């Protein structure tokens, strides 16, 4: 008698290029999502439920922190290149998201 194998657990949908584009457009839109909102569970869950309900919270939280920090740093760097100044936000977000 052979033991019945359990069916594999269904995988969560993965983040794709379309999701990247959608998140960036939400960041760019003045009425969209603020990438600088606090990274609290309630704030992140609200964005996830409204715009990315197909991605589980656990996966989305990690992506949110990385993508929002990247968006802010990229904006700071592009502003620094145009004005010759370097934004303090770059250091603030780098420290918060990568070293804290």
C-alpha atoms as a PDB file:
ATOM      1  CA  UNK A   1       0.000   0.000   0.000  1.00  0.00           C
ATOM      2  CA  UNK A   2       1.418   3.365  -0.931  1.00  0.00           C
ATOM      3  CA  UNK A   3       0.866   6.479   1.106  1.00  0.00           C
ATOM      4  CA  UNK A   4      -1.089   9.177  -0.648  1.00  0.00           C
ATOM      5  CA  UNK A   5       0.967  12.247  -1.343  1.00  0.00           C
ATOM      6  CA  UNK A   6      -0.407  15.530  -0.167  1.00  0.00           C
ATOM      7  CA  UNK A   7      -1.060  17.965  -2.948  1.00  0.00           C
ATOM      8  CA  UNK A   8       1.432  20.826  -3.031  1.00  0.00           C
ATOM      9  CA  UNK A   9       0.433  24.052  -1.338  1.00  0.00           C
ATOM     10  CA  UNK A  10      -0.680  26.633  -3.922  1.00  0.00           C
ATOM     11  CA  UNK A  11       1.881  29.373  -4.442  1.00  0.00           C
ATOM     12  CA  UNK A  12       1.080  32.995  -3.886  1.00  0.00           C
ATOM     13  CA  UNK A  13       0.985  35.081  -7.064  1.00  0.00           C
ATOM     14  CA  UNK A  14       4.324  36.659  -7.721  1.00  0.00           C
ATOM     15  CA  UNK A  15       5.097  40.325  -8.213  1.00  0.00           C
ATOM     16  CA  UNK A  16       5.495  41.128 -11.880  1.00  0.00           C
ATOM     17  CA  UNK A  17       6.524  43.987 -14.155  1.00  0.00           C
ATOM     18  CA  UNK A  18       2.897  45.167 -14.432  1.00  0.00           C
ATOM     19  CA  UNK A  19       2.711  45.485 -10.635  1.00  0.00           C
ATOM     20  CA  UNK A  20       5.940  47.530 -10.682  1.00  0.00           C
ATOM     21  CA  UNK A  21       4.481  49.891 -13.275  1.00  0.00           C
ATOM     22  CA  UNK A  22       1.208  50.195 -11.342  1.00  0.00           C
ATOM     23  CA  UNK A  23       2.992  50.981  -8.063  1.00  0.00           C
ATOM     24  CA  UNK A  24       5.233  53.582  -9.721  1.00  0.00           C
ATOM     25  CA  UNK A  25       2.209  55.245 -11.328  1.00  0.00           C
ATOM     26  CA  UNK A  26       0.507  55.326  -7.897  1.00  0.00           C
ATOM     27  CA  UNK A  27       3.607  57.011  -6.462  1.00  0.00           C
ATOM     28  CA  UNK A  28       3.750  59.517  -9.352  1.00  0.00           C
ATOM     29  CA  UNK A  29       0.048  60.418  -9.193  1.00  0.00           C
ATOM     30  CA  UNK A  30      -0.640  63.331  -6.786  1.00  0.00           C
ATOM     31  CA  UNK A  31      -3.925  61.627  -5.822  1.00  0.00           C
ATOM     32  CA  UNK A  32      -2.263  58.220  -5.623  1.00  0.00           C
ATOM     33  CA  UNK A  33      -0.211  56.659  -2.844  1.00  0.00           C
ATOM     34  CA  UNK A  34       2.392  58.560  -0.824  1.00  0.00           C
ATOM     35  CA  UNK A  35       5.634  56.526  -0.778  1.00  0.00           C
ATOM     36  CA  UNK A  36       6.625  58.330   2.429  1.00  0.00           C
ATOM     37  CA  UNK A  37       3.714  57.074   4.556  1.00  0.00           C
ATOM     38  CA  UNK A  38       4.726  55.288   7.693  1.00  0.00           C
ATOM     39  CA  UNK A  39       5.417  51.632   7.114  1.00  0.00           C
ATOM     40  CA  UNK A  40       2.865  50.522   9.689  1.00  0.00           C
ATOM     41  CA  UNK A  41       0.812  47.416   9.107  1.00  0.00           C
ATOM     42  CA  UNK A  42      -2.448  49.374   8.810  1.00  0.00           C
ATOM     43  CA  UNK A  43      -1.075  51.767   6.167  1.00  0.00           C
ATOM     44  CA  UNK A  44       0.550  49.049   4.094  1.00  0.00           C
ATOM     45  CA  UNK A  45      -2.495  46.769   4.383  1.00  0.00           C
ATOM     46  CA  UNK A  46      -4.768  49.576   3.183  1.00  0.00           C
ATOM     47  CA  UNK A  47      -2.675  50.070   0.018  1.00  0.00           C
ATOM     48  CA  UNK A  48      -2.389  46.316  -0.549  1.00  0.00           C
ATOM     49  CA  UNK A  49      -6.113  45.657  -0.136  1.00  0.00           C
ATOM     50  CA  UNK A  50      -7.087  48.522  -2.432  1.00  0.00           C
ATOM     51  CA  UNK A  51      -4.561  48.063  -5.245  1.00  0.00           C
ATOM     52  CA  UNK A  52      -2.743  44.705  -4.896  1.00  0.00           C
ATOM     53  CA  UNK A  53      -5.203  42.334  -3.242  1.00  0.00           C
ATOM     54  CA  UNK A  54      -3.752  39.379  -5.172  1.00  0.00           C
ATOM     55  CA  UNK A  55      -0.441  39.664  -3.260  1.00  0.00           C
ATOM     56  CA  UNK A  56      -0.382  38.346   0.344  1.00  0.00           C
ATOM     57  CA  UNK A  57       0.398  40.941   3.023  1.00  0.00           C
ATOM     58  CA  UNK A  58       3.622  39.249   4.100  1.00  0.00           C
ATOM     59  CA  UNK A  59       5.036  39.448   0.580  1.00  0.00           C
ATOM     60  CA  UNK A  60       3.671  42.924  -0.106  1.00  0.00           C
ATOM     61  CA  UNK A  61       5.143  44.479   3.051  1.00  0.00           C
ATOM     62  CA  UNK A  62       8.682  43.535   2.034  1.00  0.00           C
ATOM     63  CA  UNK A  63       8.110  44.776  -1.506  1.00  0.00           C
ATOM     64  CA  UNK A  64       6.523  48.022  -0.270  1.00  0.00           C
ATOM     65  CA  UNK A  65       9.475  48.882   1.962  1.00  0.00           C
ATOM     66  CA  UNK A  66      11.996  48.215  -0.807  1.00  0.00           C
ATOM     67  CA  UNK A  67      10.070  49.906  -3.629  1.00  0.00           C
ATOM     68  CA  UNK A  68       9.066  53.012  -1.677  1.00  0.00           C
ATOM     69  CA  UNK A  69      12.621  53.515  -0.389  1.00  0.00           C
ATOM     70  CA  UNK A  70      13.982  53.030  -3.909  1.00  0.00           C
ATOM     71  CA  UNK A  71      11.486  55.544  -5.317  1.00  0.00           C
ATOM     72  CA  UNK A  72      12.411  58.147  -2.691  1.00  0.00           C
ATOM     73  CA  UNK A  73      16.154  57.628  -3.118  1.00  0.00           C
ATOM     74  CA  UNK A  74      15.880  57.781  -6.917  1.00  0.00           C
ATOM     75  CA  UNK A  75      13.949  61.039  -6.620  1.00  0.00           C
ATOM     76  CA  UNK A  76      16.557  62.442  -4.258  1.00  0.00           C
ATOM     77  CA  UNK A  77      19.383  61.483  -6.576  1.00  0.00           C
ATOM     78  CA  UNK A  78      17.712  62.941  -9.659  1.00  0.00           C
ATOM     79  CA  UNK A  79      17.062  66.171  -7.760  1.00  0.00           C
ATOM     80  CA  UNK A  80      20.678  66.206  -6.574  1.00  0.00           C
ATOM     81  CA  UNK A  81      21.922  65.834 -10.126  1.00  0.00           C
ATOM     82  CA  UNK A  82      19.750  68.723 -11.328  1.00  0.00           C
ATOM     83  CA  UNK A  83      20.459  71.159  -8.512  1.00  0.00           C
ATOM     84  CA  UNK A  84      23.983  70.214  -7.495  1.00  0.00           C
ATOM     85  CA  UNK A  85      22.749  69.511  -3.950  1.00  0.00           C
ATOM     86  CA  UNK A  86      22.326  66.228  -2.157  1.00  0.00           C
ATOM     87  CA  UNK A  87      19.093  65.586  -0.285  1.00  0.00           C
ATOM     88  CA  UNK A  88      19.161  64.664   3.400  1.00  0.00           C
ATOM     89  CA  UNK A  89      16.183  62.377   2.704  1.00  0.00           C
ATOM     90  CA  UNK A  90      18.580  59.996   0.970  1.00  0.00           C
ATOM     91  CA  UNK A  91      20.461  59.450   4.203  1.00  0.00           C
ATOM     92  CA  UNK A  92      17.295  59.341   6.304  1.00  0.00           C
ATOM     93  CA  UNK A  93      15.643  56.651   4.177  1.00  0.00           C
ATOM     94  CA  UNK A  94      18.829  54.702   3.601  1.00  0.00           C
ATOM     95  CA  UNK A  95      19.377  54.447   7.312  1.00  0.00           C
ATOM     96  CA  UNK A  96      15.763  53.665   8.170  1.00  0.00           C
ATOM     97  CA  UNK A  97      15.170  51.009   5.514  1.00  0.00           C
ATOM     98  CA  UNK A  98      18.549  49.339   5.346  1.00  0.00           C
ATOM     99  CA  UNK A  99      20.266  49.714   8.703  1.00  0.00           C
ATOM    100  CA  UNK A 100      17.517  49.986  11.313  1.00  0.00           C
END
